[in-house]
N, C-alpha and C. Protein backbone atom coordinates (compact mmCIF):
# COMPACT_ATOMS: atom_id res chain seq x y z
N MET A 1 14.50 3.51 23.55
CA MET A 1 13.41 2.61 23.25
C MET A 1 13.97 1.19 23.15
N THR A 2 13.33 0.24 23.79
CA THR A 2 13.80 -1.14 23.76
C THR A 2 13.47 -1.78 22.43
N ARG A 3 14.12 -2.90 22.15
CA ARG A 3 13.87 -3.60 20.90
C ARG A 3 12.41 -4.07 20.83
N ARG A 4 11.89 -4.52 21.95
CA ARG A 4 10.51 -5.00 21.98
C ARG A 4 9.54 -3.87 21.63
N THR A 5 9.76 -2.70 22.19
CA THR A 5 8.90 -1.55 21.90
C THR A 5 9.02 -1.17 20.43
N LYS A 6 10.25 -1.16 19.92
CA LYS A 6 10.45 -0.85 18.49
C LYS A 6 9.73 -1.86 17.60
N LEU A 7 9.78 -3.13 17.99
CA LEU A 7 9.12 -4.16 17.20
C LEU A 7 7.60 -3.96 17.19
N ILE A 8 7.03 -3.61 18.32
CA ILE A 8 5.59 -3.37 18.40
C ILE A 8 5.20 -2.17 17.54
N VAL A 9 5.97 -1.09 17.64
CA VAL A 9 5.70 0.10 16.82
C VAL A 9 5.85 -0.23 15.34
N TRP A 10 6.90 -0.98 14.99
CA TRP A 10 7.15 -1.34 13.60
C TRP A 10 5.99 -2.18 13.04
N LEU A 11 5.55 -3.15 13.81
CA LEU A 11 4.43 -3.99 13.35
C LEU A 11 3.15 -3.18 13.19
N ALA A 12 2.89 -2.27 14.10
CA ALA A 12 1.69 -1.43 14.00
C ALA A 12 1.74 -0.54 12.77
N MET A 13 2.89 0.04 12.49
CA MET A 13 3.01 0.91 11.33
C MET A 13 2.96 0.11 10.03
N LEU A 14 3.54 -1.08 10.02
CA LEU A 14 3.45 -1.94 8.83
C LEU A 14 2.01 -2.37 8.61
N TRP A 15 1.30 -2.68 9.68
CA TRP A 15 -0.10 -3.07 9.57
C TRP A 15 -0.94 -1.91 9.03
N ALA A 16 -0.60 -0.69 9.40
CA ALA A 16 -1.31 0.49 8.88
C ALA A 16 -1.16 0.57 7.37
N ILE A 17 0.03 0.30 6.86
CA ILE A 17 0.24 0.33 5.41
C ILE A 17 -0.56 -0.77 4.73
N VAL A 18 -0.61 -1.93 5.33
CA VAL A 18 -1.42 -3.02 4.78
C VAL A 18 -2.90 -2.61 4.77
N MET A 19 -3.35 -1.95 5.82
CA MET A 19 -4.75 -1.50 5.87
C MET A 19 -5.04 -0.44 4.82
N TYR A 20 -4.05 0.42 4.51
CA TYR A 20 -4.23 1.38 3.42
C TYR A 20 -4.51 0.64 2.12
N CYS A 21 -3.77 -0.43 1.90
CA CYS A 21 -3.97 -1.22 0.69
C CYS A 21 -5.36 -1.85 0.67
N VAL A 22 -5.79 -2.37 1.80
CA VAL A 22 -7.12 -2.99 1.89
C VAL A 22 -8.21 -1.94 1.62
N VAL A 23 -8.06 -0.77 2.22
CA VAL A 23 -9.04 0.30 2.00
C VAL A 23 -9.08 0.69 0.53
N MET A 24 -7.92 0.78 -0.09
CA MET A 24 -7.87 1.14 -1.50
C MET A 24 -8.52 0.09 -2.39
N ARG A 25 -8.46 -1.17 -1.98
CA ARG A 25 -9.09 -2.24 -2.76
C ARG A 25 -10.60 -2.29 -2.56
N LEU A 26 -11.05 -1.97 -1.35
CA LEU A 26 -12.46 -2.15 -1.04
C LEU A 26 -13.34 -0.94 -1.34
N LEU A 27 -12.80 0.26 -1.17
CA LEU A 27 -13.61 1.45 -1.39
C LEU A 27 -13.48 1.95 -2.82
N PRO A 28 -14.60 2.31 -3.41
CA PRO A 28 -14.53 2.80 -4.79
C PRO A 28 -13.85 4.17 -4.85
N ALA A 29 -13.16 4.38 -5.94
CA ALA A 29 -12.49 5.66 -6.15
C ALA A 29 -13.20 6.41 -7.26
N PRO A 30 -13.01 7.71 -7.33
CA PRO A 30 -13.61 8.45 -8.44
C PRO A 30 -12.99 8.00 -9.76
N SER A 31 -13.63 8.35 -10.86
CA SER A 31 -13.10 7.94 -12.16
C SER A 31 -11.73 8.58 -12.39
N ALA A 32 -10.86 7.82 -13.01
CA ALA A 32 -9.48 8.28 -13.21
C ALA A 32 -9.43 9.43 -14.22
N PRO A 33 -8.71 10.50 -13.88
CA PRO A 33 -8.59 11.62 -14.82
C PRO A 33 -7.63 11.28 -15.96
N ARG A 34 -7.71 12.02 -17.03
CA ARG A 34 -6.81 11.79 -18.16
C ARG A 34 -5.40 12.30 -17.86
N ASP A 35 -5.30 13.32 -17.03
CA ASP A 35 -4.00 13.90 -16.69
C ASP A 35 -3.47 13.23 -15.43
N ASN A 36 -2.28 12.64 -15.53
CA ASN A 36 -1.68 11.92 -14.40
C ASN A 36 -0.66 12.75 -13.64
N SER A 37 -0.68 14.07 -13.80
CA SER A 37 0.36 14.88 -13.17
C SER A 37 0.29 14.82 -11.64
N LEU A 38 -0.91 14.89 -11.07
CA LEU A 38 -1.03 14.81 -9.61
C LEU A 38 -0.59 13.44 -9.12
N ASP A 39 -0.92 12.42 -9.86
CA ASP A 39 -0.49 11.07 -9.53
C ASP A 39 1.03 10.98 -9.50
N ASN A 40 1.68 11.59 -10.47
CA ASN A 40 3.14 11.58 -10.53
C ASN A 40 3.75 12.37 -9.38
N VAL A 41 3.15 13.49 -9.02
CA VAL A 41 3.66 14.30 -7.91
C VAL A 41 3.55 13.53 -6.60
N LEU A 42 2.43 12.88 -6.38
CA LEU A 42 2.26 12.11 -5.14
C LEU A 42 3.19 10.90 -5.09
N LEU A 43 3.44 10.28 -6.23
CA LEU A 43 4.40 9.17 -6.28
C LEU A 43 5.80 9.68 -5.96
N ALA A 44 6.16 10.84 -6.52
CA ALA A 44 7.48 11.42 -6.21
C ALA A 44 7.58 11.78 -4.73
N ALA A 45 6.50 12.29 -4.16
CA ALA A 45 6.50 12.62 -2.73
C ALA A 45 6.65 11.34 -1.89
N SER A 46 6.02 10.27 -2.33
CA SER A 46 6.13 9.00 -1.61
C SER A 46 7.56 8.48 -1.64
N VAL A 47 8.20 8.56 -2.80
CA VAL A 47 9.59 8.12 -2.92
C VAL A 47 10.50 9.02 -2.07
N ALA A 48 10.24 10.32 -2.08
CA ALA A 48 11.05 11.26 -1.30
C ALA A 48 10.91 10.99 0.20
N LEU A 49 9.69 10.75 0.66
CA LEU A 49 9.49 10.46 2.08
C LEU A 49 10.15 9.15 2.50
N ALA A 50 10.03 8.14 1.65
CA ALA A 50 10.68 6.86 1.96
C ALA A 50 12.20 7.03 1.97
N GLY A 51 12.73 7.81 1.03
CA GLY A 51 14.17 8.08 1.01
C GLY A 51 14.62 8.85 2.23
N ALA A 52 13.82 9.81 2.64
CA ALA A 52 14.15 10.59 3.84
C ALA A 52 14.17 9.69 5.08
N SER A 53 13.27 8.71 5.11
CA SER A 53 13.25 7.80 6.26
C SER A 53 14.53 6.97 6.31
N LEU A 54 15.07 6.65 5.13
CA LEU A 54 16.32 5.88 5.10
C LEU A 54 17.50 6.75 5.50
N ALA A 55 17.40 8.04 5.25
CA ALA A 55 18.49 8.95 5.59
C ALA A 55 18.61 9.17 7.09
N ILE A 56 17.51 8.99 7.82
CA ILE A 56 17.55 9.23 9.27
C ILE A 56 17.23 7.95 10.05
N ARG A 57 17.88 6.89 9.69
CA ARG A 57 17.63 5.59 10.32
C ARG A 57 17.91 5.61 11.81
N SER A 58 18.75 6.51 12.27
CA SER A 58 19.08 6.54 13.69
C SER A 58 17.90 7.00 14.54
N ARG A 59 16.98 7.71 13.96
CA ARG A 59 15.77 8.17 14.66
C ARG A 59 14.62 7.25 14.25
N PHE A 60 14.49 6.12 14.93
CA PHE A 60 13.57 5.06 14.52
C PHE A 60 12.13 5.53 14.38
N LEU A 61 11.61 6.21 15.38
CA LEU A 61 10.21 6.60 15.36
C LEU A 61 9.91 7.57 14.22
N VAL A 62 10.78 8.53 14.02
CA VAL A 62 10.59 9.49 12.92
C VAL A 62 10.67 8.76 11.58
N ALA A 63 11.59 7.82 11.47
CA ALA A 63 11.78 7.08 10.21
C ALA A 63 10.54 6.27 9.84
N VAL A 64 9.94 5.56 10.81
CA VAL A 64 8.76 4.76 10.46
C VAL A 64 7.54 5.65 10.22
N ILE A 65 7.49 6.80 10.86
CA ILE A 65 6.39 7.75 10.59
C ILE A 65 6.51 8.28 9.17
N LEU A 66 7.72 8.54 8.71
CA LEU A 66 7.92 8.98 7.33
C LEU A 66 7.51 7.88 6.34
N CYS A 67 7.77 6.64 6.68
CA CYS A 67 7.32 5.53 5.83
C CYS A 67 5.80 5.49 5.75
N ASP A 68 5.15 5.70 6.88
CA ASP A 68 3.69 5.72 6.90
C ASP A 68 3.16 6.90 6.08
N ALA A 69 3.82 8.03 6.17
CA ALA A 69 3.40 9.20 5.39
C ALA A 69 3.57 8.93 3.89
N ALA A 70 4.62 8.19 3.53
CA ALA A 70 4.82 7.82 2.13
C ALA A 70 3.66 6.96 1.63
N ALA A 71 3.21 6.04 2.46
CA ALA A 71 2.07 5.20 2.09
C ALA A 71 0.78 6.01 2.03
N ALA A 72 0.66 6.99 2.90
CA ALA A 72 -0.53 7.84 2.91
C ALA A 72 -0.65 8.63 1.60
N MET A 73 0.46 8.90 0.95
CA MET A 73 0.42 9.57 -0.36
C MET A 73 -0.35 8.71 -1.36
N GLY A 74 -0.19 7.41 -1.27
CA GLY A 74 -0.94 6.50 -2.13
C GLY A 74 -2.42 6.53 -1.84
N LEU A 75 -2.77 6.61 -0.57
CA LEU A 75 -4.17 6.69 -0.18
C LEU A 75 -4.80 7.99 -0.68
N VAL A 76 -4.07 9.08 -0.53
CA VAL A 76 -4.56 10.37 -1.03
C VAL A 76 -4.72 10.32 -2.54
N SER A 77 -3.73 9.75 -3.21
CA SER A 77 -3.80 9.63 -4.66
C SER A 77 -5.02 8.81 -5.09
N TRP A 78 -5.32 7.76 -4.36
CA TRP A 78 -6.46 6.91 -4.70
C TRP A 78 -7.77 7.67 -4.61
N PHE A 79 -7.96 8.41 -3.52
CA PHE A 79 -9.22 9.09 -3.33
C PHE A 79 -9.35 10.37 -4.15
N VAL A 80 -8.23 10.95 -4.57
CA VAL A 80 -8.30 12.18 -5.36
C VAL A 80 -8.35 11.87 -6.85
N THR A 81 -7.46 10.97 -7.31
CA THR A 81 -7.38 10.70 -8.74
C THR A 81 -8.10 9.43 -9.17
N GLY A 82 -8.18 8.45 -8.28
CA GLY A 82 -8.80 7.19 -8.62
C GLY A 82 -7.96 6.33 -9.54
N SER A 83 -6.70 6.67 -9.70
CA SER A 83 -5.82 5.95 -10.62
C SER A 83 -5.32 4.65 -9.99
N PRO A 84 -5.28 3.58 -10.77
CA PRO A 84 -4.70 2.33 -10.25
C PRO A 84 -3.21 2.47 -9.94
N ARG A 85 -2.58 3.50 -10.49
CA ARG A 85 -1.16 3.75 -10.22
C ARG A 85 -0.94 4.20 -8.78
N SER A 86 -2.00 4.48 -8.05
CA SER A 86 -1.88 4.89 -6.65
C SER A 86 -1.22 3.81 -5.80
N PHE A 87 -1.38 2.57 -6.20
CA PHE A 87 -0.77 1.47 -5.45
C PHE A 87 0.75 1.52 -5.52
N TYR A 88 1.30 2.16 -6.54
CA TYR A 88 2.75 2.28 -6.67
C TYR A 88 3.35 3.08 -5.52
N CYS A 89 2.58 3.95 -4.92
CA CYS A 89 3.08 4.74 -3.78
C CYS A 89 3.33 3.87 -2.56
N LEU A 90 2.66 2.74 -2.49
CA LEU A 90 2.84 1.85 -1.34
C LEU A 90 4.16 1.08 -1.40
N VAL A 91 4.67 0.89 -2.60
CA VAL A 91 5.88 0.08 -2.77
C VAL A 91 7.09 0.68 -2.05
N PRO A 92 7.44 1.96 -2.30
CA PRO A 92 8.61 2.49 -1.57
C PRO A 92 8.38 2.53 -0.06
N ALA A 93 7.14 2.74 0.35
CA ALA A 93 6.83 2.78 1.79
C ALA A 93 7.07 1.41 2.43
N ILE A 94 6.61 0.36 1.78
CA ILE A 94 6.79 -0.99 2.33
C ILE A 94 8.26 -1.38 2.31
N LEU A 95 8.96 -1.08 1.22
CA LEU A 95 10.38 -1.42 1.15
C LEU A 95 11.18 -0.69 2.24
N ALA A 96 10.91 0.59 2.41
CA ALA A 96 11.62 1.34 3.45
C ALA A 96 11.26 0.80 4.84
N MET A 97 10.01 0.43 5.03
CA MET A 97 9.61 -0.11 6.33
C MET A 97 10.33 -1.42 6.61
N LEU A 98 10.51 -2.25 5.60
CA LEU A 98 11.23 -3.51 5.79
C LEU A 98 12.70 -3.26 6.15
N VAL A 99 13.28 -2.20 5.61
CA VAL A 99 14.66 -1.86 5.96
C VAL A 99 14.76 -1.46 7.43
N HIS A 100 13.71 -0.86 7.97
CA HIS A 100 13.71 -0.38 9.35
C HIS A 100 13.36 -1.45 10.38
N PHE A 101 13.31 -2.71 9.96
CA PHE A 101 13.00 -3.78 10.92
C PHE A 101 13.98 -3.70 12.08
N PRO A 102 13.46 -3.68 13.31
CA PRO A 102 14.35 -3.53 14.48
C PRO A 102 15.05 -4.84 14.83
N GLY A 103 16.18 -5.08 14.20
CA GLY A 103 16.96 -6.29 14.45
C GLY A 103 17.87 -6.12 15.66
N GLU A 104 18.56 -7.17 15.96
CA GLU A 104 19.52 -7.15 17.07
C GLU A 104 20.70 -6.27 16.70
N LYS A 105 21.18 -5.49 17.65
CA LYS A 105 22.37 -4.67 17.42
C LYS A 105 23.61 -5.54 17.55
N ALA A 106 24.63 -5.19 16.79
CA ALA A 106 25.88 -5.94 16.86
C ALA A 106 26.51 -5.76 18.24
N GLY A 107 26.94 -6.85 18.81
CA GLY A 107 27.61 -6.80 20.11
C GLY A 107 26.66 -6.68 21.29
N SER A 108 25.39 -6.97 21.13
CA SER A 108 24.44 -6.83 22.22
C SER A 108 24.23 -8.14 22.99
N HIS A 109 24.99 -9.17 22.65
CA HIS A 109 24.82 -10.47 23.32
C HIS A 109 25.37 -10.45 24.69
């Protein structure tokens, strides 16, 4: 995959995470439950997926898909629990996505 193709894919996947955030802000969620256990499980899954994406940086497409899946955990959390803590799931996804920015390779000049 060329750098240009990677950049286009990276921007599209980053934009998807931004759109998850917009959807979470605009659409109403159900009332927040008193028990936050599901919220905690989805946050842990988001962190695990973002960490897994960092572990396989050599496979660019799989890595950015894992970042998107990490952000999707926040979207699921929002619609299932309605907790404002759902936005925390987006943080590891965005940070991992920023790490995967397709920069120039060393010695490619």
